[in-house]
Amino acid sequence: MSMTKSEISRHLADKVGITKKQSDAFLEALAELAYQEAKNTFVIPGIGKLSLKESPAREATMPFGPRKGEKYWVPAKKKVKFTVAKAAKDAIAGSGHSGSGEMG
């Protein structure tokens, strides 16, 4: 089961020796800064990178159903992307990749 915001805040407060109120304020300030800076790419060291990507408008073809083969227009849109840092990926999933391409 994942930790709640309150549990995360309490854990961080205990770990670095600050009050839970200070930890709450820090987490809120970090989130606020990430939202503001994502358009420029916001890096959280050791965790990952938050960025804003724009996908251009494009034409697509209906893949199935009664309108199969019919062309339609997909409008341009903005997407928020999160890329996990290699250090986080290795720490969480392990770096047990052999690189040989063989299975088993």
N, C-alpha and C. Protein backbone atom coordinates (compact mmCIF):
# COMPACT_ATOMS: atom_id res chain seq x y z
N MET A 1 0.84 -1.18 0.00
CA MET A 1 0.00 0.00 0.00
C MET A 1 0.89 1.25 0.00
N SER A 2 0.55 2.21 -0.82
CA SER A 2 1.38 3.41 -0.92
C SER A 2 1.21 4.32 0.29
N MET A 3 2.24 5.10 0.55
CA MET A 3 2.22 6.03 1.68
C MET A 3 1.32 7.22 1.36
N THR A 4 0.67 7.75 2.37
CA THR A 4 -0.13 8.96 2.20
C THR A 4 0.81 10.17 2.26
N LYS A 5 0.29 11.32 1.86
CA LYS A 5 1.10 12.54 1.92
C LYS A 5 1.54 12.81 3.37
N SER A 6 0.64 12.58 4.31
CA SER A 6 0.95 12.79 5.72
C SER A 6 2.06 11.85 6.20
N GLU A 7 2.01 10.58 5.76
CA GLU A 7 3.04 9.62 6.15
C GLU A 7 4.40 9.99 5.55
N ILE A 8 4.38 10.42 4.29
CA ILE A 8 5.62 10.85 3.64
C ILE A 8 6.21 12.04 4.39
N SER A 9 5.36 13.01 4.70
CA SER A 9 5.79 14.20 5.40
C SER A 9 6.38 13.86 6.77
N ARG A 10 5.71 12.99 7.51
CA ARG A 10 6.19 12.57 8.84
C ARG A 10 7.54 11.87 8.71
N HIS A 11 7.67 10.96 7.75
CA HIS A 11 8.92 10.23 7.55
C HIS A 11 10.08 11.19 7.25
N LEU A 12 9.84 12.12 6.32
CA LEU A 12 10.88 13.09 5.96
C LEU A 12 11.25 13.99 7.12
N ALA A 13 10.24 14.42 7.87
CA ALA A 13 10.48 15.28 9.04
C ALA A 13 11.37 14.56 10.05
N ASP A 14 11.05 13.30 10.33
CA ASP A 14 11.85 12.51 11.27
C ASP A 14 13.26 12.27 10.74
N LYS A 15 13.37 12.00 9.45
CA LYS A 15 14.66 11.68 8.83
C LYS A 15 15.64 12.85 8.86
N VAL A 16 15.14 14.08 8.61
CA VAL A 16 16.05 15.23 8.55
C VAL A 16 15.98 16.12 9.78
N GLY A 17 15.16 15.77 10.75
CA GLY A 17 15.13 16.52 12.00
C GLY A 17 14.41 17.86 11.93
N ILE A 18 13.31 17.91 11.21
CA ILE A 18 12.49 19.12 11.16
C ILE A 18 11.08 18.75 11.63
N THR A 19 10.23 19.76 11.78
CA THR A 19 8.85 19.47 12.20
C THR A 19 8.04 18.99 11.01
N LYS A 20 6.95 18.32 11.29
CA LYS A 20 6.06 17.86 10.23
C LYS A 20 5.48 19.06 9.48
N LYS A 21 5.23 20.13 10.19
CA LYS A 21 4.70 21.35 9.56
C LYS A 21 5.71 21.90 8.54
N GLN A 22 6.99 21.89 8.90
CA GLN A 22 8.03 22.35 7.97
C GLN A 22 8.13 21.41 6.76
N SER A 23 8.01 20.11 7.03
CA SER A 23 8.07 19.13 5.96
C SER A 23 6.88 19.29 5.01
N ASP A 24 5.69 19.52 5.56
CA ASP A 24 4.49 19.78 4.73
C ASP A 24 4.72 21.00 3.84
N ALA A 25 5.27 22.06 4.42
CA ALA A 25 5.51 23.29 3.68
C ALA A 25 6.53 23.05 2.56
N PHE A 26 7.56 22.27 2.86
CA PHE A 26 8.57 21.96 1.85
C PHE A 26 7.96 21.18 0.69
N LEU A 27 7.18 20.14 0.99
CA LEU A 27 6.56 19.33 -0.07
C LEU A 27 5.64 20.18 -0.94
N GLU A 28 4.86 21.06 -0.31
CA GLU A 28 3.97 21.94 -1.07
C GLU A 28 4.77 22.90 -1.95
N ALA A 29 5.85 23.45 -1.42
CA ALA A 29 6.69 24.38 -2.19
C ALA A 29 7.37 23.65 -3.36
N LEU A 30 7.81 22.41 -3.14
CA LEU A 30 8.44 21.63 -4.19
C LEU A 30 7.44 21.35 -5.32
N ALA A 31 6.24 20.95 -4.95
CA ALA A 31 5.20 20.67 -5.96
C ALA A 31 4.87 21.93 -6.75
N GLU A 32 4.70 23.04 -6.04
CA GLU A 32 4.38 24.32 -6.68
C GLU A 32 5.48 24.73 -7.67
N LEU A 33 6.73 24.59 -7.26
CA LEU A 33 7.86 24.93 -8.12
C LEU A 33 7.90 24.01 -9.34
N ALA A 34 7.65 22.73 -9.13
CA ALA A 34 7.64 21.76 -10.24
C ALA A 34 6.56 22.13 -11.26
N TYR A 35 5.37 22.51 -10.79
CA TYR A 35 4.28 22.90 -11.70
C TYR A 35 4.68 24.13 -12.52
N GLN A 36 5.32 25.10 -11.87
CA GLN A 36 5.72 26.34 -12.56
C GLN A 36 6.83 26.09 -13.57
N GLU A 37 7.77 25.23 -13.23
CA GLU A 37 8.97 25.06 -14.04
C GLU A 37 8.93 23.90 -15.02
N ALA A 38 7.88 23.09 -15.01
CA ALA A 38 7.81 21.92 -15.90
C ALA A 38 7.95 22.32 -17.37
N LYS A 39 7.46 23.51 -17.72
CA LYS A 39 7.57 23.96 -19.12
C LYS A 39 9.03 24.12 -19.53
N ASN A 40 9.92 24.33 -18.57
CA ASN A 40 11.36 24.47 -18.84
C ASN A 40 12.13 23.20 -18.50
N THR A 41 11.44 22.17 -18.07
CA THR A 41 11.97 20.91 -17.56
C THR A 41 12.44 21.10 -16.11
N PHE A 42 11.85 20.35 -15.22
CA PHE A 42 12.15 20.44 -13.79
C PHE A 42 12.76 19.13 -13.34
N VAL A 43 13.99 19.17 -12.86
CA VAL A 43 14.70 17.98 -12.43
C VAL A 43 14.64 17.86 -10.91
N ILE A 44 14.23 16.69 -10.44
CA ILE A 44 14.29 16.37 -9.02
C ILE A 44 15.47 15.40 -8.91
N PRO A 45 16.64 15.87 -8.43
CA PRO A 45 17.85 15.06 -8.42
C PRO A 45 17.64 13.68 -7.80
N GLY A 46 18.09 12.66 -8.51
CA GLY A 46 18.00 11.29 -8.03
C GLY A 46 16.64 10.66 -8.23
N ILE A 47 15.64 11.41 -8.66
CA ILE A 47 14.29 10.87 -8.84
C ILE A 47 13.86 10.89 -10.30
N GLY A 48 13.93 12.06 -10.92
CA GLY A 48 13.54 12.13 -12.31
C GLY A 48 13.34 13.54 -12.80
N LYS A 49 12.74 13.63 -13.99
CA LYS A 49 12.60 14.90 -14.68
C LYS A 49 11.16 15.07 -15.16
N LEU A 50 10.57 16.22 -14.87
CA LEU A 50 9.22 16.57 -15.27
C LEU A 50 9.33 17.58 -16.39
N SER A 51 8.61 17.33 -17.51
CA SER A 51 8.70 18.26 -18.63
C SER A 51 7.37 18.35 -19.36
N LEU A 52 7.22 19.41 -20.11
CA LEU A 52 6.02 19.65 -20.90
C LEU A 52 6.37 19.43 -22.36
N LYS A 53 5.63 18.56 -23.02
CA LYS A 53 5.85 18.28 -24.43
C LYS A 53 4.60 18.67 -25.21
N GLU A 54 4.80 19.22 -26.39
CA GLU A 54 3.67 19.57 -27.24
C GLU A 54 3.63 18.63 -28.42
N SER A 55 2.48 17.98 -28.63
CA SER A 55 2.34 17.12 -29.80
C SER A 55 1.58 17.91 -30.85
N PRO A 56 2.08 17.93 -32.08
CA PRO A 56 1.42 18.70 -33.14
C PRO A 56 0.12 18.03 -33.59
N ALA A 57 -0.74 18.81 -34.22
CA ALA A 57 -1.96 18.26 -34.80
C ALA A 57 -1.55 17.29 -35.90
N ARG A 58 -2.32 16.23 -36.08
CA ARG A 58 -1.98 15.24 -37.10
C ARG A 58 -3.23 14.56 -37.63
N GLU A 59 -3.08 13.96 -38.77
CA GLU A 59 -4.18 13.20 -39.36
C GLU A 59 -4.01 11.74 -38.99
N ALA A 60 -5.09 11.05 -38.68
CA ALA A 60 -5.06 9.63 -38.33
C ALA A 60 -6.16 8.90 -39.07
N THR A 61 -6.09 7.58 -39.05
CA THR A 61 -7.08 6.74 -39.70
C THR A 61 -7.79 5.92 -38.64
N MET A 62 -9.12 5.88 -38.69
CA MET A 62 -9.91 5.10 -37.76
C MET A 62 -9.52 3.62 -37.93
N PRO A 63 -9.03 2.96 -36.85
CA PRO A 63 -8.50 1.60 -36.99
C PRO A 63 -9.56 0.49 -37.07
N PHE A 64 -10.77 0.73 -36.54
CA PHE A 64 -11.77 -0.34 -36.52
C PHE A 64 -13.17 0.27 -36.39
N GLY A 65 -14.17 -0.58 -36.40
CA GLY A 65 -15.55 -0.12 -36.25
C GLY A 65 -16.17 0.25 -37.58
N PRO A 66 -17.38 0.75 -37.56
CA PRO A 66 -18.09 1.08 -38.80
C PRO A 66 -17.41 2.19 -39.61
N ARG A 67 -16.57 2.99 -38.95
CA ARG A 67 -15.87 4.08 -39.65
C ARG A 67 -14.43 3.70 -40.00
N LYS A 68 -14.12 2.38 -39.98
CA LYS A 68 -12.76 1.90 -40.26
C LYS A 68 -12.26 2.47 -41.59
N GLY A 69 -11.01 2.95 -41.56
CA GLY A 69 -10.38 3.50 -42.75
C GLY A 69 -10.66 4.98 -42.96
N GLU A 70 -11.62 5.52 -42.22
CA GLU A 70 -11.97 6.94 -42.36
C GLU A 70 -10.88 7.80 -41.72
N LYS A 71 -10.51 8.87 -42.40
CA LYS A 71 -9.50 9.80 -41.88
C LYS A 71 -10.16 10.77 -40.90
N TYR A 72 -9.43 11.14 -39.86
CA TYR A 72 -9.89 12.16 -38.92
C TYR A 72 -8.70 12.95 -38.42
N TRP A 73 -8.97 14.08 -37.80
CA TRP A 73 -7.94 15.01 -37.36
C TRP A 73 -7.77 14.93 -35.85
N VAL A 74 -6.55 14.69 -35.39
CA VAL A 74 -6.23 14.69 -33.96
C VAL A 74 -5.64 16.07 -33.65
N PRO A 75 -6.28 16.85 -32.78
CA PRO A 75 -5.79 18.20 -32.50
C PRO A 75 -4.46 18.20 -31.73
N ALA A 76 -3.73 19.30 -31.84
CA ALA A 76 -2.49 19.47 -31.09
C ALA A 76 -2.82 19.49 -29.61
N LYS A 77 -1.90 18.99 -28.79
CA LYS A 77 -2.13 19.04 -27.35
C LYS A 77 -0.82 19.06 -26.60
N LYS A 78 -0.90 19.46 -25.35
CA LYS A 78 0.26 19.50 -24.48
C LYS A 78 0.20 18.28 -23.57
N LYS A 79 1.36 17.67 -23.34
CA LYS A 79 1.45 16.49 -22.49
C LYS A 79 2.49 16.74 -21.41
N VAL A 80 2.22 16.28 -20.21
CA VAL A 80 3.21 16.34 -19.14
C VAL A 80 3.90 14.98 -19.12
N LYS A 81 5.22 15.01 -19.16
CA LYS A 81 6.00 13.78 -19.22
C LYS A 81 6.92 13.70 -18.00
N PHE A 82 7.03 12.49 -17.41
CA PHE A 82 7.96 12.28 -16.31
C PHE A 82 8.92 11.19 -16.72
N THR A 83 10.21 11.48 -16.67
CA THR A 83 11.25 10.52 -17.00
C THR A 83 11.98 10.15 -15.72
N VAL A 84 12.01 8.87 -15.41
CA VAL A 84 12.65 8.40 -14.19
C VAL A 84 14.17 8.45 -14.36
N ALA A 85 14.86 8.96 -13.33
CA ALA A 85 16.32 9.03 -13.35
C ALA A 85 16.92 7.62 -13.30
N LYS A 86 18.06 7.43 -13.94
CA LYS A 86 18.71 6.12 -13.96
C LYS A 86 19.00 5.63 -12.55
N ALA A 87 19.45 6.53 -11.67
CA ALA A 87 19.75 6.13 -10.28
C ALA A 87 18.49 5.58 -9.60
N ALA A 88 17.34 6.22 -9.83
CA ALA A 88 16.09 5.75 -9.23
C ALA A 88 15.69 4.41 -9.82
N LYS A 89 15.80 4.28 -11.12
CA LYS A 89 15.43 3.03 -11.79
C LYS A 89 16.28 1.88 -11.27
N ASP A 90 17.60 2.11 -11.16
CA ASP A 90 18.51 1.07 -10.66
C ASP A 90 18.21 0.72 -9.20
N ALA A 91 17.92 1.73 -8.37
CA ALA A 91 17.66 1.50 -6.96
C ALA A 91 16.35 0.75 -6.75
N ILE A 92 15.35 1.02 -7.59
CA ILE A 92 14.03 0.42 -7.42
C ILE A 92 13.94 -0.95 -8.11
N ALA A 93 14.34 -1.00 -9.38
CA ALA A 93 14.20 -2.22 -10.16
C ALA A 93 15.44 -3.08 -10.14
N GLY A 94 16.53 -2.54 -9.67
CA GLY A 94 17.79 -3.27 -9.68
C GLY A 94 18.45 -3.12 -11.03
N SER A 95 19.72 -3.34 -11.09
CA SER A 95 20.45 -3.23 -12.35
C SER A 95 20.87 -4.60 -12.84
N GLY A 96 19.98 -5.57 -12.69
CA GLY A 96 20.27 -6.96 -13.05
C GLY A 96 20.23 -7.24 -14.53
N HIS A 97 20.26 -6.22 -15.36
CA HIS A 97 20.23 -6.41 -16.82
C HIS A 97 21.61 -6.88 -17.26
N SER A 98 21.66 -8.04 -17.91
CA SER A 98 22.95 -8.60 -18.33
C SER A 98 23.48 -7.97 -19.59
N GLY A 99 22.58 -7.47 -20.43
CA GLY A 99 23.01 -6.82 -21.66
C GLY A 99 23.32 -7.78 -22.79
N SER A 100 23.25 -9.10 -22.55
CA SER A 100 23.59 -10.05 -23.58
C SER A 100 22.44 -10.33 -24.54
N GLY A 101 21.24 -9.98 -24.15
CA GLY A 101 20.10 -10.22 -25.01
C GLY A 101 19.49 -11.59 -24.83
N GLU A 102 20.12 -12.43 -24.02
CA GLU A 102 19.60 -13.78 -23.79
C GLU A 102 18.63 -13.77 -22.63
N MET A 103 17.63 -14.66 -22.72
CA MET A 103 16.65 -14.76 -21.63
C MET A 103 16.98 -15.99 -20.81
N GLY A 104 16.64 -15.90 -19.51
CA GLY A 104 16.72 -17.09 -18.67
C GLY A 104 17.95 -17.16 -17.92
